[in-house]
N, C-alpha and C. Protein backbone atom coordinates (compact mmCIF):
# COMPACT_ATOMS: atom_id res chain seq x y z
N ALA A 1 125.60 107.01 91.67
CA ALA A 1 124.07 106.51 91.98
C ALA A 1 123.91 106.55 93.64
N SER A 2 122.17 107.13 93.85
CA SER A 2 122.09 106.33 94.84
C SER A 2 121.90 105.17 95.52
N PRO A 3 121.94 104.76 96.78
CA PRO A 3 121.74 103.25 96.90
C PRO A 3 120.47 102.69 96.80
N ALA A 4 118.98 104.01 97.11
CA ALA A 4 117.92 103.42 96.79
C ALA A 4 117.91 103.52 94.99
N ALA A 5 118.42 104.08 94.24
CA ALA A 5 118.51 104.03 92.59
C ALA A 5 119.16 103.00 92.47
N GLU A 6 120.10 102.38 92.67
CA GLU A 6 120.81 101.11 93.04
C GLU A 6 119.81 99.58 93.06
N LEU A 7 119.55 99.96 94.19
CA LEU A 7 118.23 99.14 94.71
C LEU A 7 116.95 98.69 93.49
N ALA A 8 116.53 99.43 92.92
CA ALA A 8 115.60 100.25 92.59
C ALA A 8 115.79 98.57 90.86
N LYS A 9 116.96 98.94 90.69
CA LYS A 9 117.08 97.97 89.50
C LYS A 9 116.89 96.80 89.88
N TYR A 10 116.81 95.79 91.41
CA TYR A 10 116.83 94.75 91.16
C TYR A 10 115.47 94.00 91.93
N VAL A 11 114.89 95.36 92.14
CA VAL A 11 113.77 95.20 93.01
C VAL A 11 112.40 94.82 92.48
N GLY A 12 110.93 94.83 92.24
CA GLY A 12 109.64 94.76 91.11
C GLY A 12 108.76 95.53 91.98
N GLN A 13 109.42 96.29 93.10
CA GLN A 13 108.16 97.58 93.40
C GLN A 13 109.31 98.19 94.28
N VAL A 14 108.21 99.76 94.43
CA VAL A 14 108.97 100.49 95.42
C VAL A 14 108.17 100.73 95.97
N LEU A 15 108.01 101.23 98.09
CA LEU A 15 106.84 102.37 98.19
C LEU A 15 107.39 103.41 98.65
N MET A 16 106.97 104.63 98.06
CA MET A 16 107.89 105.96 98.66
C MET A 16 106.90 106.72 99.74
N VAL A 17 106.86 106.53 100.50
CA VAL A 17 105.93 107.53 101.44
C VAL A 17 106.27 108.82 101.95
N VAL A 18 105.22 109.87 101.07
CA VAL A 18 105.14 111.32 100.81
C VAL A 18 104.45 111.49 101.80
N ARG A 19 104.86 112.81 102.44
CA ARG A 19 104.07 113.55 104.00
C ARG A 19 103.54 114.45 103.24
N ALA A 20 101.75 114.31 103.73
CA ALA A 20 101.51 115.31 102.73
C ALA A 20 101.50 117.16 103.62
N ASP A 21 101.90 117.87 102.26
CA ASP A 21 101.96 119.59 103.06
C ASP A 21 103.44 119.92 103.51
N GLN A 22 104.10 118.71 103.13
CA GLN A 22 105.44 118.30 103.14
C GLN A 22 106.37 118.44 102.25
N THR A 23 106.09 117.29 101.63
CA THR A 23 106.63 117.11 100.21
C THR A 23 106.42 117.64 98.85
N GLY A 24 107.87 118.60 98.59
CA GLY A 24 107.38 118.99 97.49
C GLY A 24 107.14 118.62 96.14
N GLN A 25 106.20 118.89 95.11
CA GLN A 25 106.06 118.36 93.89
C GLN A 25 107.49 118.05 93.23
N GLY A 26 108.16 118.97 93.17
CA GLY A 26 109.50 118.87 92.06
C GLY A 26 110.14 117.70 92.90
N ALA A 27 110.37 117.36 94.57
CA ALA A 27 111.08 117.09 95.09
C ALA A 27 110.85 115.35 94.87
N LEU A 28 109.41 115.01 95.06
CA LEU A 28 108.72 113.84 94.33
C LEU A 28 109.41 112.85 93.54
N GLU A 29 108.82 114.39 91.78
CA GLU A 29 109.39 113.85 90.85
C GLU A 29 110.72 113.53 90.97
N ASP A 30 111.73 114.51 91.48
CA ASP A 30 112.94 114.09 90.97
C ASP A 30 113.34 112.35 92.02
N ALA A 31 112.74 112.20 93.02
CA ALA A 31 113.02 110.99 93.54
C ALA A 31 112.66 109.97 92.82
N ILE A 32 110.89 109.63 92.41
CA ILE A 32 110.48 109.22 91.19
C ILE A 32 111.40 108.72 89.95
N SER A 33 111.89 109.94 89.35
CA SER A 33 113.05 109.71 87.99
C SER A 33 114.08 108.69 88.61
N LEU A 34 114.73 109.30 89.80
CA LEU A 34 115.68 108.51 90.49
C LEU A 34 115.74 106.58 90.85
N LEU A 35 113.99 106.95 91.03
CA LEU A 35 113.81 104.90 90.64
C LEU A 35 113.09 104.84 89.44
N SER A 36 113.60 105.34 88.23
CA SER A 36 112.60 104.86 87.31
C SER A 36 112.66 103.87 86.45
N SER A 37 113.93 102.86 87.12
CA SER A 37 114.54 101.64 86.98
C SER A 37 113.42 100.27 87.34
N CYS A 38 112.69 100.77 88.40
CA CYS A 38 112.00 99.88 88.81
C CYS A 38 110.47 100.15 88.40
N PRO A 39 110.12 99.28 87.78
CA PRO A 39 108.89 98.59 87.02
C PRO A 39 107.51 99.48 87.50
N ASN A 40 107.30 99.16 89.24
CA ASN A 40 106.09 99.43 89.70
C ASN A 40 106.42 100.48 90.84
N ILE A 41 106.43 101.59 90.71
CA ILE A 41 106.33 102.74 91.70
C ILE A 41 105.28 103.22 92.72
N GLN A 42 104.91 102.75 94.18
CA GLN A 42 103.89 102.77 95.03
C GLN A 42 103.83 104.19 95.91
N LEU A 43 102.96 105.04 95.81
CA LEU A 43 103.17 106.07 96.44
C LEU A 43 101.89 106.18 98.10
N LEU A 44 102.40 105.94 99.05
CA LEU A 44 101.39 106.31 100.38
C LEU A 44 102.10 107.83 101.00
N LEU A 45 100.38 108.10 100.45
CA LEU A 45 100.56 109.43 101.23
C LEU A 45 100.39 109.60 102.61
N ASN A 46 101.36 110.20 103.50
CA ASN A 46 101.25 110.08 104.80
C ASN A 46 100.88 111.51 105.76
N ALA A 47 100.45 111.27 106.88
CA ALA A 47 100.26 112.55 107.69
C ALA A 47 99.03 113.25 106.87
N THR A 48 98.28 113.08 106.18
CA THR A 48 96.68 113.72 106.10
C THR A 48 95.84 114.55 107.28
N GLN A 49 95.53 115.29 106.73
CA GLN A 49 94.48 115.72 107.75
C GLN A 49 93.30 115.67 107.57
N PHE A 50 92.07 114.52 107.55
CA PHE A 50 90.74 114.25 107.96
C PHE A 50 89.92 115.49 107.78
N SER A 51 89.24 115.93 106.73
CA SER A 51 88.31 117.37 106.76
C SER A 51 87.13 116.28 106.24
N PRO A 52 85.54 116.61 107.17
CA PRO A 52 85.08 116.22 106.59
C PRO A 52 84.14 117.64 105.40
N SER A 53 84.84 118.75 105.54
CA SER A 53 84.43 119.60 104.50
C SER A 53 84.75 119.16 102.91
N GLY A 54 85.58 118.15 102.92
CA GLY A 54 86.05 117.93 101.45
C GLY A 54 87.19 118.18 101.50
N ARG A 55 88.10 118.40 101.95
CA ARG A 55 89.36 119.22 101.23
C ARG A 55 89.89 117.99 100.31
N SER A 56 90.53 118.71 99.13
CA SER A 56 91.32 117.53 98.28
C SER A 56 92.52 117.79 98.55
N PHE A 57 93.44 117.06 97.61
CA PHE A 57 94.68 117.11 97.45
C PHE A 57 95.01 116.67 96.36
N GLY A 58 94.16 118.03 95.75
CA GLY A 58 94.33 118.42 94.02
C GLY A 58 95.71 118.08 93.47
N SER A 59 96.95 118.28 94.20
CA SER A 59 98.59 117.96 93.47
C SER A 59 99.17 116.86 93.79
N TYR A 60 98.16 116.03 94.38
CA TYR A 60 98.71 114.67 94.22
C TYR A 60 98.10 113.48 93.77
N TYR A 61 96.47 114.16 93.70
CA TYR A 61 95.23 113.17 92.85
C TYR A 61 95.71 112.98 91.58
N GLY A 62 96.05 111.73 91.17
CA GLY A 62 96.16 111.54 89.95
C GLY A 62 97.60 111.64 89.21
N TYR A 63 98.46 111.85 90.26
CA TYR A 63 99.89 112.20 89.99
C TYR A 63 100.19 111.05 88.73
N GLY A 64 101.15 111.24 87.97
CA GLY A 64 101.39 110.26 87.27
C GLY A 64 100.49 109.49 85.97
N ARG A 65 99.72 110.03 85.95
CA ARG A 65 98.34 109.36 85.34
C ARG A 65 98.51 110.29 84.09
C-alpha cells in the first residue's frame, strides 16, 4: 500500500487537491479508493479558469453523491 493509504487509516480527514482539466476522473476514483479507510475525504479543485459566461465543471460537480 502507498504511504498515503497507510496514513489514511490514522487520520480524521484527507484534503486532496485536484487540478482542473488535468486530473482524470479515473485517476481521481483510484486515489479515493486507496484512501477509503479515511472517513472524510475533501476535494479542492485547483487551477480553475473563471468564466463570466458560466462555464461549468460538470464532471466534478456533485462527485461522489
